Every structure is written in C-alpha cells, then in structure tokens.
C-alpha cells in the first residue's frame, strides 16, 4: 500500500455500477495511476487534492475505455464509501469494513 494524491477525477459513466475514475500520483518510481472508485457520496471535484491510501501491486483491471491500475481504499458503510485518507479530510467511521 502507498499514499498518493488525487490529481484528477471524472464521472465514470461507462461503469456497470456508478463510479468515478481517479488519477492518483504516487511520486517516483510509481508515478500516476488510474483507479475506478465507487465513491458516490462526494462530488468528484471534492476528491481532488486529497491524500489517499491505495494498493498499488495488483493486476491491472480492464474497464470500459480505460484501466484501473490501483485500488483506492475506503471505509465501507451502509450508505457510503469514505476514502481512507491521511490528511484528516474525513472522519473515521468506527466498525466500518475496509475495501
């Protein structure tokens, strides 16, 4: 797992489930990677600039018109996904599953 900063985000209309496509910069030597994330309780522009935790050594997933190269981690609650953040931008959810 690595810490990266979300540089860009777009609504991902082609996804089977509602999602956004994020570009996350992990610095050298990893660089910028894409992640398809089902973070629906935030506007995409609210995610730009956040530092997040992601799994970077997974197999690349082919998704419509793109690839998902890393898994941005989030706290899964009944109604939302909160990105796991290291910059204090989200309040931790007690007893939430991580995915």
C-alpha atoms as a PDB file:
ATOM      1  CA  UNK A   1       0.000   0.000   0.000  1.00  0.00           C
ATOM      2  CA  UNK A   2       1.128   3.529  -0.767  1.00  0.00           C
ATOM      3  CA  UNK A   3      -0.023   7.086  -0.143  1.00  0.00           C
ATOM      4  CA  UNK A   4      -0.904   9.117  -3.210  1.00  0.00           C
ATOM      5  CA  UNK A   5      -2.622  12.393  -4.014  1.00  0.00           C
ATOM      6  CA  UNK A   6      -5.707  12.532  -6.238  1.00  0.00           C
ATOM      7  CA  UNK A   7      -4.764  14.737  -9.173  1.00  0.00           C
ATOM      8  CA  UNK A   8      -7.813  14.344 -11.413  1.00  0.00           C
ATOM      9  CA  UNK A   9     -11.243  12.779 -11.281  1.00  0.00           C
ATOM     10  CA  UNK A  10     -14.068  12.214 -13.736  1.00  0.00           C
ATOM     11  CA  UNK A  11     -17.527  10.692 -13.608  1.00  0.00           C
ATOM     12  CA  UNK A  12     -17.256   7.174 -14.998  1.00  0.00           C
ATOM     13  CA  UNK A  13     -20.496   6.761 -16.910  1.00  0.00           C
ATOM     14  CA  UNK A  14     -19.398   3.576 -18.706  1.00  0.00           C
ATOM     15  CA  UNK A  15     -19.044   1.610 -15.450  1.00  0.00           C
ATOM     16  CA  UNK A  16     -21.533  -1.149 -14.618  1.00  0.00           C
ATOM     17  CA  UNK A  17     -22.002   0.352 -11.138  1.00  0.00           C
ATOM     18  CA  UNK A  18     -21.866   4.125 -10.528  1.00  0.00           C
ATOM     19  CA  UNK A  19     -18.218   5.133 -10.119  1.00  0.00           C
ATOM     20  CA  UNK A  20     -15.606   7.774 -10.773  1.00  0.00           C
ATOM     21  CA  UNK A  21     -12.233   7.403 -12.478  1.00  0.00           C
ATOM     22  CA  UNK A  22      -9.388   8.896 -10.442  1.00  0.00           C
ATOM     23  CA  UNK A  23      -5.802   9.716 -11.421  1.00  0.00           C
ATOM     24  CA  UNK A  24      -3.605   9.302  -8.349  1.00  0.00           C
ATOM     25  CA  UNK A  25       0.042  10.447  -8.191  1.00  0.00           C
ATOM     26  CA  UNK A  26       2.294   8.235  -6.056  1.00  0.00           C
ATOM     27  CA  UNK A  27       5.546  10.007  -6.893  1.00  0.00           C
ATOM     28  CA  UNK A  28       8.633   8.228  -8.183  1.00  0.00           C
ATOM     29  CA  UNK A  29       9.110   5.442  -9.093  1.00  0.00           C
ATOM     30  CA  UNK A  30       5.386   4.503  -9.293  1.00  0.00           C
ATOM     31  CA  UNK A  31       4.051   7.663 -10.941  1.00  0.00           C
ATOM     32  CA  UNK A  32       0.423   8.429 -11.808  1.00  0.00           C
ATOM     33  CA  UNK A  33      -2.046   5.520 -11.841  1.00  0.00           C
ATOM     34  CA  UNK A  34      -5.796   5.249 -12.542  1.00  0.00           C
ATOM     35  CA  UNK A  35      -8.379   3.875 -10.150  1.00  0.00           C
ATOM     36  CA  UNK A  36     -12.066   3.216 -10.722  1.00  0.00           C
ATOM     37  CA  UNK A  37     -13.694   4.014  -7.378  1.00  0.00           C
ATOM     38  CA  UNK A  38     -17.282   3.715  -6.203  1.00  0.00           C
ATOM     39  CA  UNK A  39     -17.064   6.839  -4.056  1.00  0.00           C
ATOM     40  CA  UNK A  40     -20.512   8.268  -4.652  1.00  0.00           C
ATOM     41  CA  UNK A  41     -21.100  10.377  -1.567  1.00  0.00           C
ATOM     42  CA  UNK A  42     -18.577  13.010  -2.737  1.00  0.00           C
ATOM     43  CA  UNK A  43     -18.509  15.178  -5.824  1.00  0.00           C
ATOM     44  CA  UNK A  44     -15.511  14.305  -7.951  1.00  0.00           C
ATOM     45  CA  UNK A  45     -14.053  17.817  -7.534  1.00  0.00           C
ATOM     46  CA  UNK A  46     -14.158  17.344  -3.722  1.00  0.00           C
ATOM     47  CA  UNK A  47     -11.693  14.461  -4.058  1.00  0.00           C
ATOM     48  CA  UNK A  48      -9.037  16.420  -5.984  1.00  0.00           C
ATOM     49  CA  UNK A  49      -6.007  17.117  -3.787  1.00  0.00           C
ATOM     50  CA  UNK A  50      -6.809  14.520  -1.128  1.00  0.00           C
ATOM     51  CA  UNK A  51      -4.098  12.160   0.013  1.00  0.00           C
ATOM     52  CA  UNK A  52      -5.390   8.598  -0.053  1.00  0.00           C
ATOM     53  CA  UNK A  53      -4.180   5.095   0.703  1.00  0.00           C
ATOM     54  CA  UNK A  54      -4.143   2.649  -2.220  1.00  0.00           C
ATOM     55  CA  UNK A  55      -2.964  -0.855  -3.048  1.00  0.00           C
ATOM     56  CA  UNK A  56      -0.535  -0.484  -5.946  1.00  0.00           C
ATOM     57  CA  UNK A  57       0.704  -4.026  -6.675  1.00  0.00           C
ATOM     58  CA  UNK A  58      -2.492  -5.513  -8.112  1.00  0.00           C
ATOM     59  CA  UNK A  59      -3.163  -6.848 -11.587  1.00  0.00           C
ATOM     60  CA  UNK A  60      -4.394  -4.135 -13.967  1.00  0.00           C
ATOM     61  CA  UNK A  61      -8.155  -4.344 -14.493  1.00  0.00           C
ATOM     62  CA  UNK A  62      -9.509  -3.614 -17.944  1.00  0.00           C
ATOM     63  CA  UNK A  63     -12.584  -1.407 -17.677  1.00  0.00           C
ATOM     64  CA  UNK A  64     -14.601   0.276 -20.441  1.00  0.00           C
ATOM     65  CA  UNK A  65     -12.399   2.842 -22.248  1.00  0.00           C
ATOM     66  CA  UNK A  66      -9.661   2.732 -19.573  1.00  0.00           C
ATOM     67  CA  UNK A  67      -7.787   0.663 -16.984  1.00  0.00           C
ATOM     68  CA  UNK A  68      -7.910   0.534 -13.203  1.00  0.00           C
ATOM     69  CA  UNK A  69      -4.327   0.104 -12.007  1.00  0.00           C
ATOM     70  CA  UNK A  70      -4.636   0.595  -8.235  1.00  0.00           C
ATOM     71  CA  UNK A  71      -7.280   0.078  -5.553  1.00  0.00           C
ATOM     72  CA  UNK A  72      -8.081   3.248  -3.627  1.00  0.00           C
ATOM     73  CA  UNK A  73      -9.016   2.078  -0.135  1.00  0.00           C
ATOM     74  CA  UNK A  74     -12.189   3.226   1.572  1.00  0.00           C
ATOM     75  CA  UNK A  75     -14.267   2.682   4.692  1.00  0.00           C
ATOM     76  CA  UNK A  76     -17.473   0.953   3.596  1.00  0.00           C
ATOM     77  CA  UNK A  77     -20.594   1.960   5.480  1.00  0.00           C
ATOM     78  CA  UNK A  78     -24.224   1.083   4.852  1.00  0.00           C
ATOM     79  CA  UNK A  79     -24.802   4.175   2.682  1.00  0.00           C
ATOM     80  CA  UNK A  80     -21.393   5.427   1.602  1.00  0.00           C
ATOM     81  CA  UNK A  81     -17.697   4.931   0.962  1.00  0.00           C
ATOM     82  CA  UNK A  82     -15.245   7.213   2.744  1.00  0.00           C
ATOM     83  CA  UNK A  83     -11.782   7.274   1.172  1.00  0.00           C
ATOM     84  CA  UNK A  84      -9.066   6.235   3.619  1.00  0.00           C
ATOM     85  CA  UNK A  85      -7.219   9.491   3.962  1.00  0.00           C
ATOM     86  CA  UNK A  86      -4.034  10.580   5.692  1.00  0.00           C
ATOM     87  CA  UNK A  87      -4.728  14.303   5.614  1.00  0.00           C
ATOM     88  CA  UNK A  88      -7.604  14.401   8.120  1.00  0.00           C
ATOM     89  CA  UNK A  89     -10.168  15.310   5.462  1.00  0.00           C
ATOM     90  CA  UNK A  90     -12.604  12.595   6.560  1.00  0.00           C
ATOM     91  CA  UNK A  91     -13.818  11.496   9.960  1.00  0.00           C
ATOM     92  CA  UNK A  92     -13.097   7.792  10.592  1.00  0.00           C
ATOM     93  CA  UNK A  93     -16.134   5.523  10.801  1.00  0.00           C
ATOM     94  CA  UNK A  94     -15.941   3.131  13.739  1.00  0.00           C
ATOM     95  CA  UNK A  95     -16.523  -0.535  12.791  1.00  0.00           C
ATOM     96  CA  UNK A  96     -16.599   0.164   9.027  1.00  0.00           C
ATOM     97  CA  UNK A  97     -15.290  -2.529   6.698  1.00  0.00           C
ATOM     98  CA  UNK A  98     -12.269  -1.642   4.571  1.00  0.00           C
ATOM     99  CA  UNK A  99     -12.372  -2.279   0.834  1.00  0.00           C
END
